[in-house]
PDB file of N, CA and C in Angstrom:
ATOM      1  N   MET A   1      77.231 -50.148  40.605  1.00  0.00           N
ATOM      2  CA  MET A   1      78.103 -49.784  39.951  1.00  0.00           C
ATOM      3  C   MET A   1      78.326 -48.115  40.114  1.00  0.00           C
ATOM      4  N   ARG A   2      79.578 -48.012  40.029  1.00  0.00           N
ATOM      5  CA  ARG A   2      79.968 -46.772  40.697  1.00  0.00           C
ATOM      6  C   ARG A   2      80.008 -45.636  39.686  1.00  0.00           C
ATOM      7  N   SER A   3      79.824 -44.326  40.001  1.00  0.00           N
ATOM      8  CA  SER A   3      79.781 -43.494  39.023  1.00  0.00           C
ATOM      9  C   SER A   3      81.348 -43.224  38.476  1.00  0.00           C
ATOM     10  N   PRO A   4      81.200 -42.661  37.182  1.00  0.00           N
ATOM     11  CA  PRO A   4      82.546 -42.441  36.562  1.00  0.00           C
ATOM     12  C   PRO A   4      83.530 -41.290  37.668  1.00  0.00           C
ATOM     13  N   GLY A   5      83.093 -40.266  38.021  1.00  0.00           N
ATOM     14  CA  GLY A   5      83.883 -39.358  38.956  1.00  0.00           C
ATOM     15  C   GLY A   5      83.524 -39.570  40.427  1.00  0.00           C
ATOM     16  N   CYS A   6      83.464 -40.616  41.016  1.00  0.00           N
ATOM     17  CA  CYS A   6      83.554 -41.450  42.379  1.00  0.00           C
ATOM     18  C   CYS A   6      84.914 -41.820  42.810  1.00  0.00           C
ATOM     19  N   PRO A   7      85.088 -41.161  44.096  1.00  0.00           N
ATOM     20  CA  PRO A   7      86.845 -41.591  44.097  1.00  0.00           C
ATOM     21  C   PRO A   7      86.795 -42.962  44.688  1.00  0.00           C
ATOM     22  N   PRO A   8      88.168 -43.547  44.588  1.00  0.00           N
ATOM     23  CA  PRO A   8      87.945 -44.958  45.061  1.00  0.00           C
ATOM     24  C   PRO A   8      87.848 -45.027  46.334  1.00  0.00           C
ATOM     25  N   ILE A   9      87.774 -46.227  46.829  1.00  0.00           N
ATOM     26  CA  ILE A   9      87.399 -46.366  48.152  1.00  0.00           C
ATOM     27  C   ILE A   9      88.700 -46.464  49.050  1.00  0.00           C
ATOM     28  N   ARG A  10      88.840 -45.810  50.001  1.00  0.00           N
ATOM     29  CA  ARG A  10      89.828 -45.630  51.131  1.00  0.00           C
ATOM     30  C   ARG A  10      89.807 -47.448  51.459  1.00  0.00           C
ATOM     31  N   ARG A  11      90.925 -47.693  51.806  1.00  0.00           N
ATOM     32  CA  ARG A  11      91.022 -49.056  52.093  1.00  0.00           C
ATOM     33  C   ARG A  11      91.028 -49.280  53.702  1.00  0.00           C
ATOM     34  N   ASP A  12      91.325 -48.165  54.262  1.00  0.00           N
ATOM     35  CA  ASP A  12      91.068 -48.204  55.680  1.00  0.00           C
ATOM     36  C   ASP A  12      89.685 -47.949  56.297  1.00  0.00           C
ATOM     37  N   LEU A  13      88.782 -47.532  55.191  1.00  0.00           N
ATOM     38  CA  LEU A  13      87.520 -47.062  55.361  1.00  0.00           C
ATOM     39  C   LEU A  13      86.745 -48.648  55.032  1.00  0.00           C
ATOM     40  N   GLU A  14      87.330 -49.455  54.186  1.00  0.00           N
ATOM     41  CA  GLU A  14      86.820 -50.400  53.708  1.00  0.00           C
ATOM     42  C   GLU A  14      87.089 -51.704  54.563  1.00  0.00           C
ATOM     43  N   ARG A  15      88.137 -51.518  55.575  1.00  0.00           N
ATOM     44  CA  ARG A  15      88.726 -52.573  56.615  1.00  0.00           C
ATOM     45  C   ARG A  15      87.950 -51.937  57.843  1.00  0.00           C
ATOM     46  N   LEU A  16      87.797 -51.060  58.285  1.00  0.00           N
ATOM     47  CA  LEU A  16      87.035 -50.937  59.087  1.00  0.00           C
ATOM     48  C   LEU A  16      85.205 -51.152  59.190  1.00  0.00           C
ATOM     49  N   PHE A  17      84.802 -51.011  57.826  1.00  0.00           N
ATOM     50  CA  PHE A  17      83.576 -51.121  57.691  1.00  0.00           C
ATOM     51  C   PHE A  17      83.756 -53.198  57.597  1.00  0.00           C
ATOM     52  N   CYS A  18      84.263 -53.430  57.408  1.00  0.00           N
ATOM     53  CA  CYS A  18      84.168 -54.893  57.247  1.00  0.00           C
ATOM     54  C   CYS A  18      84.236 -55.388  59.045  1.00  0.00           C
ATOM     55  N   VAL A  19      85.150 -54.870  59.583  1.00  0.00           N
ATOM     56  CA  VAL A  19      85.288 -55.442  60.721  1.00  0.00           C
ATOM     57  C   VAL A  19      83.829 -55.192  61.512  1.00  0.00           C
ATOM     58  N   LYS A  20      83.438 -53.829  61.299  1.00  0.00           N
ATOM     59  CA  LYS A  20      81.865 -53.470  61.833  1.00  0.00           C
ATOM     60  C   LYS A  20      80.975 -54.698  61.289  1.00  0.00           C
ATOM     61  N   ILE A  21      81.401 -55.267  60.060  1.00  0.00           N
ATOM     62  CA  ILE A  21      80.327 -56.084  59.813  1.00  0.00           C
ATOM     63  C   ILE A  21      80.598 -57.662  60.820  1.00  0.00           C
ATOM     64  N   ALA A  22      81.824 -57.691  61.033  1.00  0.00           N
ATOM     65  CA  ALA A  22      82.182 -58.806  61.588  1.00  0.00           C
ATOM     66  C   ALA A  22      81.522 -58.784  62.766  1.00  0.00           C
ATOM     67  N   GLN A  23      81.546 -57.332  63.782  1.00  0.00           N
ATOM     68  CA  GLN A  23      81.030 -57.613  64.964  1.00  0.00           C
ATOM     69  C   GLN A  23      79.732 -57.491  64.971  1.00  0.00           C
ATOM     70  N   GLU A  24      79.173 -58.095  63.892  1.00  0.00           N
ATOM     71  CA  GLU A  24      77.627 -58.321  64.118  1.00  0.00           C
ATOM     72  C   GLU A  24      76.651 -57.367  63.822  1.00  0.00           C
ATOM     73  N   LEU A  25      77.067 -55.962  63.420  1.00  0.00           N
ATOM     74  CA  LEU A  25      76.117 -54.689  62.993  1.00  0.00           C
ATOM     75  C   LEU A  25      75.781 -54.947  61.686  1.00  0.00           C
ATOM     76  N   ILE A  26      74.188 -54.563  61.444  1.00  0.00           N
ATOM     77  CA  ILE A  26      74.237 -54.362  60.108  1.00  0.00           C
ATOM     78  C   ILE A  26      74.707 -53.265  59.117  1.00  0.00           C
ATOM     79  N   SER A  27      74.541 -53.455  58.046  1.00  0.00           N
ATOM     80  CA  SER A  27      75.560 -52.551  56.567  1.00  0.00           C
ATOM     81  C   SER A  27      75.035 -51.528  57.204  1.00  0.00           C
ATOM     82  N   GLU A  28      74.022 -50.620  57.347  1.00  0.00           N
ATOM     83  CA  GLU A  28      74.016 -49.450  57.486  1.00  0.00           C
ATOM     84  C   GLU A  28      74.312 -48.676  58.699  1.00  0.00           C
ATOM     85  N   ASP A  29      74.180 -49.491  59.439  1.00  0.00           N
ATOM     86  CA  ASP A  29      75.129 -49.475  61.082  1.00  0.00           C
ATOM     87  C   ASP A  29      76.521 -49.185  60.889  1.00  0.00           C
ATOM     88  N   ALA A  30      77.370 -50.215  60.547  1.00  0.00           N
ATOM     89  CA  ALA A  30      78.535 -50.390  60.143  1.00  0.00           C
ATOM     90  C   ALA A  30      78.820 -49.263  59.297  1.00  0.00           C
ATOM     91  N   ALA A  31      78.110 -48.806  58.018  1.00  0.00           N
ATOM     92  CA  ALA A  31      78.449 -47.717  57.497  1.00  0.00           C
ATOM     93  C   ALA A  31      78.478 -46.435  58.429  1.00  0.00           C
ATOM     94  N   VAL A  32      77.845 -45.882  58.775  1.00  0.00           N
ATOM     95  CA  VAL A  32      77.530 -44.725  59.933  1.00  0.00           C
ATOM     96  C   VAL A  32      78.750 -44.962  60.925  1.00  0.00           C
ATOM     97  N   ALA A  33      79.187 -46.102  61.276  1.00  0.00           N
ATOM     98  CA  ALA A  33      80.392 -45.903  62.415  1.00  0.00           C
ATOM     99  C   ALA A  33      81.796 -45.727  61.608  1.00  0.00           C
ATOM    100  N   CYS A  34      81.783 -46.185  60.412  1.00  0.00           N
ATOM    101  CA  CYS A  34      83.018 -45.262  59.571  1.00  0.00           C
ATOM    102  C   CYS A  34      82.508 -44.257  58.910  1.00  0.00           C
ATOM    103  N   ALA A  35      81.946 -43.503  59.219  1.00  0.00           N
ATOM    104  CA  ALA A  35      81.445 -42.088  58.547  1.00  0.00           C
ATOM    105  C   ALA A  35      81.146 -41.887  57.048  1.00  0.00           C
ATOM    106  N   VAL A  36      80.039 -43.105  56.723  1.00  0.00           N
ATOM    107  CA  VAL A  36      80.069 -43.499  55.504  1.00  0.00           C
ATOM    108  C   VAL A  36      78.540 -43.476  55.553  1.00  0.00           C
ATOM    109  N   SER A  37      77.886 -43.050  54.446  1.00  0.00           N
ATOM    110  CA  SER A  37      76.176 -43.227  54.590  1.00  0.00           C
ATOM    111  C   SER A  37      75.876 -44.394  54.134  1.00  0.00           C
ATOM    112  N   GLY A  38      74.242 -44.359  55.055  1.00  0.00           N
ATOM    113  CA  GLY A  38      73.973 -46.078  54.905  1.00  0.00           C
ATOM    114  C   GLY A  38      73.737 -46.737  53.756  1.00  0.00           C
ATOM    115  N   PRO A  39      73.419 -46.118  52.711  1.00  0.00           N
ATOM    116  CA  PRO A  39      73.521 -46.553  51.194  1.00  0.00           C
ATOM    117  C   PRO A  39      74.526 -46.930  50.963  1.00  0.00           C
ATOM    118  N   VAL A  40      75.574 -46.168  51.124  1.00  0.00           N
ATOM    119  CA  VAL A  40      77.072 -46.468  50.659  1.00  0.00           C
ATOM    120  C   VAL A  40      77.345 -47.915  51.559  1.00  0.00           C
ATOM    121  N   GLY A  41      77.172 -48.069  52.725  1.00  0.00           N
ATOM    122  CA  GLY A  41      77.357 -49.436  53.370  1.00  0.00           C
ATOM    123  C   GLY A  41      76.514 -50.466  53.038  1.00  0.00           C
ATOM    124  N   SER A  42      75.669 -50.079  52.648  1.00  0.00           N
ATOM    125  CA  SER A  42      74.592 -51.196  52.027  1.00  0.00           C
ATOM    126  C   SER A  42      75.351 -51.711  50.394  1.00  0.00           C
ATOM    127  N   ARG A  43      75.367 -50.942  49.813  1.00  0.00           N
ATOM    128  CA  ARG A  43      76.190 -51.031  48.616  1.00  0.00           C
ATOM    129  C   ARG A  43      77.317 -51.945  48.738  1.00  0.00           C
ATOM    130  N   TRP A  44      78.510 -51.593  49.303  1.00  0.00           N
ATOM    131  CA  TRP A  44      79.321 -52.156  49.570  1.00  0.00           C
ATOM    132  C   TRP A  44      79.511 -53.728  50.121  1.00  0.00           C
ATOM    133  N   PHE A  45      78.455 -53.891  50.870  1.00  0.00           N
ATOM    134  CA  PHE A  45      77.910 -55.017  51.427  1.00  0.00           C
ATOM    135  C   PHE A  45      77.294 -56.096  50.488  1.00  0.00           C
ATOM    136  N   ARG A  46      76.446 -55.355  49.591  1.00  0.00           N
ATOM    137  CA  ARG A  46      75.804 -56.321  48.556  1.00  0.00           C
ATOM    138  C   ARG A  46      76.581 -56.675  47.304  1.00  0.00           C
ATOM    139  N   ASP A  47      77.708 -55.677  46.818  1.00  0.00           N
ATOM    140  CA  ASP A  47      78.710 -55.819  46.121  1.00  0.00           C
ATOM    141  C   ASP A  47      79.861 -56.971  46.267  1.00  0.00           C
ATOM    142  N   ARG A  48      80.002 -57.056  47.922  1.00  0.00           N
ATOM    143  CA  ARG A  48      80.984 -57.819  48.169  1.00  0.00           C
ATOM    144  C   ARG A  48      80.056 -59.294  48.618  1.00  0.00           C
ATOM    145  N   GLY A  49      78.862 -59.473  48.241  1.00  0.00           N
ATOM    146  CA  GLY A  49      78.142 -60.787  48.555  1.00  0.00           C
ATOM    147  C   GLY A  49      78.046 -61.126  50.002  1.00  0.00           C
ATOM    148  N   GLY A  50      78.359 -60.183  50.853  1.00  0.00           N
ATOM    149  CA  GLY A  50      78.181 -60.109  52.289  1.00  0.00           C
ATOM    150  C   GLY A  50      79.938 -61.083  53.004  1.00  0.00           C
ATOM    151  N   MET A  51      80.553 -60.646  52.145  1.00  0.00           N
ATOM    152  CA  MET A  51      82.190 -61.596  52.273  1.00  0.00           C
ATOM    153  C   MET A  51      83.374 -60.148  52.264  1.00  0.00           C
ATOM    154  N   PRO A  52      84.176 -59.917  53.519  1.00  0.00           N
ATOM    155  CA  PRO A  52      85.173 -59.149  52.972  1.00  0.00           C
ATOM    156  C   PRO A  52      86.376 -59.320  52.029  1.00  0.00           C
ATOM    157  N   SER A  53      86.420 -58.296  51.244  1.00  0.00           N
ATOM    158  CA  SER A  53      87.008 -58.523  50.092  1.00  0.00           C
ATOM    159  C   SER A  53      88.818 -58.396  50.282  1.00  0.00           C
ATOM    160  N   MET A  54      89.386 -58.370  51.990  1.00  0.00           N
ATOM    161  CA  MET A  54      90.590 -58.441  52.114  1.00  0.00           C
ATOM    162  C   MET A  54      90.873 -59.001  53.651  1.00  0.00           C
ATOM    163  N   GLN A  55      91.990 -59.336  54.039  1.00  0.00           N
ATOM    164  CA  GLN A  55      92.295 -59.705  55.316  1.00  0.00           C
ATOM    165  C   GLN A  55      91.955 -58.776  56.579  1.00  0.00           C
ATOM    166  N   LEU A  56      91.280 -59.447  57.337  1.00  0.00           N
ATOM    167  CA  LEU A  56      90.944 -58.039  58.184  1.00  0.00           C
ATOM    168  C   LEU A  56      91.753 -58.130  59.477  1.00  0.00           C
ATOM    169  N   ASN A  57      92.530 -59.191  59.545  1.00  0.00           N
ATOM    170  CA  ASN A  57      93.818 -58.729  60.651  1.00  0.00           C
ATOM    171  C   ASN A  57      94.929 -58.032  60.297  1.00  0.00           C
ATOM    172  N   GLY A  58      94.754 -57.261  59.097  1.00  0.00           N
ATOM    173  CA  GLY A  58      96.057 -56.579  58.860  1.00  0.00           C
ATOM    174  C   GLY A  58      97.143 -57.088  57.873  1.00  0.00           C
ATOM    175  N   ILE A  59      97.813 -56.497  57.607  1.00  0.00           N
ATOM    176  CA  ILE A  59      98.992 -56.900  56.480  1.00  0.00           C
ATOM    177  C   ILE A  59     100.064 -57.704  57.167  1.00  0.00           C
ATOM    178  N   SER A  60     100.491 -59.171  56.275  1.00  0.00           N
ATOM    179  CA  SER A  60     101.277 -59.758  56.895  1.00  0.00           C
ATOM    180  C   SER A  60     102.967 -59.320  56.997  1.00  0.00           C
ATOM    181  N   ARG A  61     103.523 -58.994  57.941  1.00  0.00           N
ATOM    182  CA  ARG A  61     104.663 -58.851  58.277  1.00  0.00           C
ATOM    183  C   ARG A  61     106.271 -59.662  57.925  1.00  0.00           C
ATOM    184  N   ARG A  62     105.486 -60.691  57.194  1.00  0.00           N
ATOM    185  CA  ARG A  62     106.232 -61.727  56.545  1.00  0.00           C
ATOM    186  C   ARG A  62     107.276 -60.989  55.505  1.00  0.00           C
ATOM    187  N   TYR A  63     106.364 -60.396  54.571  1.00  0.00           N
ATOM    188  CA  TYR A  63     107.034 -59.879  53.350  1.00  0.00           C
ATOM    189  C   TYR A  63     107.827 -58.402  53.733  1.00  0.00           C
ATOM    190  N   LEU A  64     108.498 -57.751  52.970  1.00  0.00           N
ATOM    191  CA  LEU A  64     109.006 -56.263  53.231  1.00  0.00           C
ATOM    192  C   LEU A  64     107.913 -55.485  52.653  1.00  0.00           C
ATOM    193  N   SER A  65     107.712 -54.430  53.496  1.00  0.00           N
ATOM    194  CA  SER A  65     106.608 -53.428  52.952  1.00  0.00           C
ATOM    195  C   SER A  65     107.392 -52.568  51.742  1.00  0.00           C
ATOM    196  N   PHE A  66     106.575 -51.804  50.732  1.00  0.00           N
ATOM    197  CA  PHE A  66     107.185 -51.039  49.529  1.00  0.00           C
ATOM    198  C   PHE A  66     108.641 -50.300  49.962  1.00  0.00           C
ATOM    199  N   ALA A  67     108.800 -49.458  50.969  1.00  0.00           N
ATOM    200  CA  ALA A  67     109.783 -48.660  51.346  1.00  0.00           C
ATOM    201  C   ALA A  67     110.860 -49.582  51.624  1.00  0.00           C
ATOM    202  N   GLU A  68     110.431 -50.462  52.458  1.00  0.00           N
ATOM    203  CA  GLU A  68     111.816 -51.214  53.306  1.00  0.00           C
ATOM    204  C   GLU A  68     113.148 -51.340  52.318  1.00  0.00           C
ATOM    205  N   PRO A  69     112.763 -52.146  51.237  1.00  0.00           N
ATOM    206  CA  PRO A  69     113.826 -52.697  50.636  1.00  0.00           C
ATOM    207  C   PRO A  69     114.870 -51.601  49.913  1.00  0.00           C
ATOM    208  N   ASP A  70     114.037 -50.362  49.766  1.00  0.00           N
ATOM    209  CA  ASP A  70     115.129 -49.256  49.646  1.00  0.00           C
ATOM    210  C   ASP A  70     115.886 -48.560  50.829  1.00  0.00           C
ATOM    211  N   GLU A  71     114.862 -48.316  51.873  1.00  0.00           N
ATOM    212  CA  GLU A  71     115.683 -47.982  53.137  1.00  0.00           C
ATOM    213  C   GLU A  71     116.945 -49.145  53.413  1.00  0.00           C
ATOM    214  N   SER A  72     116.517 -50.153  53.587  1.00  0.00           N
ATOM    215  CA  SER A  72     117.668 -51.146  53.757  1.00  0.00           C
ATOM    216  C   SER A  72     118.844 -51.214  52.717  1.00  0.00           C
ATOM    217  N   ALA A  73     118.601 -51.012  51.499  1.00  0.00           N
ATOM    218  CA  ALA A  73     119.711 -50.521  50.694  1.00  0.00           C
ATOM    219  C   ALA A  73     120.544 -49.204  50.909  1.00  0.00           C
ATOM    220  N   LEU A  74     119.780 -48.330  51.165  1.00  0.00           N
ATOM    221  CA  LEU A  74     120.751 -47.547  51.767  1.00  0.00           C
ATOM    222  C   LEU A  74     121.206 -47.588  53.242  1.00  0.00           C
ATOM    223  N   LEU A  75     120.928 -48.081  54.245  1.00  0.00           N
ATOM    224  CA  LEU A  75     121.748 -48.440  55.105  1.00  0.00           C
ATOM    225  C   LEU A  75     122.847 -49.557  54.890  1.00  0.00           C
ATOM    226  N   ARG A  76     122.641 -50.445  53.941  1.00  0.00           N
ATOM    227  CA  ARG A  76     123.724 -51.453  53.421  1.00  0.00           C
ATOM    228  C   ARG A  76     124.888 -50.574  52.946  1.00  0.00           C
ATOM    229  N   ALA A  77     124.448 -49.451  51.896  1.00  0.00           N
ATOM    230  CA  ALA A  77     125.286 -48.629  51.352  1.00  0.00           C
ATOM    231  C   ALA A  77     125.968 -47.878  52.274  1.00  0.00           C
ATOM    232  N   ARG A  78     125.727 -47.097  53.270  1.00  0.00           N
ATOM    233  CA  ARG A  78     126.320 -46.768  54.374  1.00  0.00           C
ATOM    234  C   ARG A  78     127.557 -47.629  55.418  1.00  0.00           C
ATOM    235  N   GLY A  79     127.097 -49.058  54.891  1.00  0.00           N
ATOM    236  CA  GLY A  79     127.986 -50.267  55.488  1.00  0.00           C
ATOM    237  C   GLY A  79     127.807 -50.483  56.804  1.00  0.00           C
ATOM    238  N   LEU A  80     126.190 -50.947  57.499  1.00  0.00           N
ATOM    239  CA  LEU A  80     126.012 -51.449  58.277  1.00  0.00           C
ATOM    240  C   LEU A  80     125.890 -52.674  57.956  1.00  0.00           C
ATOM    241  N   GLY A  81     126.077 -53.240  58.933  1.00  0.00           N
ATOM    242  CA  GLY A  81     125.233 -55.223  58.950  1.00  0.00           C
ATOM    243  C   GLY A  81     123.957 -55.283  58.257  1.00  0.00           C
ATOM    244  N   MET A  82     123.640 -56.697  57.985  1.00  0.00           N
ATOM    245  CA  MET A  82     122.203 -57.195  58.221  1.00  0.00           C
ATOM    246  C   MET A  82     121.413 -57.012  59.571  1.00  0.00           C
ATOM    247  N   ARG A  83     122.286 -57.399  60.902  1.00  0.00           N
ATOM    248  CA  ARG A  83     121.475 -57.092  61.834  1.00  0.00           C
ATOM    249  C   ARG A  83     120.859 -55.719  62.460  1.00  0.00           C
ATOM    250  N   GLU A  84     122.014 -55.072  61.818  1.00  0.00           N
ATOM    251  CA  GLU A  84     121.669 -53.577  62.297  1.00  0.00           C
ATOM    252  C   GLU A  84     120.872 -52.783  61.445  1.00  0.00           C
ATOM    253  N   ILE A  85     120.853 -53.006  60.551  1.00  0.00           N
ATOM    254  CA  ILE A  85     119.560 -52.984  59.204  1.00  0.00           C
ATOM    255  C   ILE A  85     118.162 -53.423  60.012  1.00  0.00           C
ATOM    256  N   ALA A  86     118.399 -54.798  60.272  1.00  0.00           N
ATOM    257  CA  ALA A  86     116.833 -55.434  60.909  1.00  0.00           C
ATOM    258  C   ALA A  86     116.309 -54.652  61.637  1.00  0.00           C
ATOM    259  N   ARG A  87     117.468 -54.208  62.955  1.00  0.00           N
ATOM    260  CA  ARG A  87     117.209 -53.763  63.927  1.00  0.00           C
ATOM    261  C   ARG A  87     116.429 -52.289  63.833  1.00  0.00           C
ATOM    262  N   SER A  88     116.944 -51.340  63.104  1.00  0.00           N
ATOM    263  CA  SER A  88     117.206 -49.846  62.343  1.00  0.00           C
ATOM    264  C   SER A  88     115.677 -49.814  61.627  1.00  0.00           C
ATOM    265  N   ILE A  89     115.236 -50.921  60.831  1.00  0.00           N
ATOM    266  CA  ILE A  89     113.829 -50.610  60.420  1.00  0.00           C
ATOM    267  C   ILE A  89     112.733 -51.478  60.914  1.00  0.00           C
ATOM    268  N   GLY A  90     113.226 -51.926  62.252  1.00  0.00           N
ATOM    269  CA  GLY A  90     112.149 -52.940  63.168  1.00  0.00           C
ATOM    270  C   GLY A  90     111.743 -54.277  62.615  1.00  0.00           C
ATOM    271  N   ARG A  91     112.799 -54.730  62.319  1.00  0.00           N
ATOM    272  CA  ARG A  91     112.738 -56.352  61.482  1.00  0.00           C
ATOM    273  C   ARG A  91     113.631 -57.290  62.749  1.00  0.00           C
ATOM    274  N   ALA A  92     114.396 -56.538  63.444  1.00  0.00           N
ATOM    275  CA  ALA A  92     115.128 -57.614  64.246  1.00  0.00           C
ATOM    276  C   ALA A  92     113.873 -58.785  65.061  1.00  0.00           C
ATOM    277  N   SER A  93     114.495 -59.868  65.288  1.00  0.00           N
ATOM    278  CA  SER A  93     113.659 -60.654  65.711  1.00  0.00           C
ATOM    279  C   SER A  93     114.145 -60.744  67.003  1.00  0.00           C
ATOM    280  N   VAL A  94     113.374 -61.092  68.384  1.00  0.00           N
ATOM    281  CA  VAL A  94     113.199 -60.959  70.051  1.00  0.00           C
ATOM    282  C   VAL A  94     114.559 -61.517  69.947  1.00  0.00           C
ATOM    283  N   GLY A  95     114.982 -62.823  69.423  1.00  0.00           N
ATOM    284  CA  GLY A  95     116.236 -63.549  69.688  1.00  0.00           C
ATOM    285  C   GLY A  95     117.574 -62.794  69.438  1.00  0.00           C
ATOM    286  N   GLY A  96     117.488 -62.127  68.545  1.00  0.00           N
ATOM    287  CA  GLY A  96     118.459 -60.916  67.845  1.00  0.00           C
ATOM    288  C   GLY A  96     118.810 -61.905  66.455  1.00  0.00           C
ATOM    289  N   SER A  97     118.296 -63.135  66.026  1.00  0.00           N
ATOM    290  CA  SER A  97     118.679 -63.818  65.003  1.00  0.00           C
ATOM    291  C   SER A  97     117.974 -63.622  63.497  1.00  0.00           C
ATOM    292  N   LEU A  98     118.293 -63.388  62.511  1.00  0.00           N
ATOM    293  CA  LEU A  98     117.415 -62.973  61.380  1.00  0.00           C
ATOM    294  C   LEU A  98     116.772 -64.478  61.138  1.00  0.00           C
TER     295      LEU A  98
END
């Protein structure tokens, strides 16, 4: 159990820790590789039952991020077309179609 004043776990550190575990490091060594103490790494590993609590391959690009709908709406208000918007936010496919 975390202490009441303990800051929340940073997702990037947790993901890196899980990647290090997947690379077959023991929990203490994986924690040190993430700049976290060995006992914290052991606790993370134990609390999760030895399994990562997230996907290790990153976030899916299938759905829009938190900021992309707002950015799209602003570009649409400026009169840009859907293909131009997709290109500007990095969502245009290789073939050019959406």
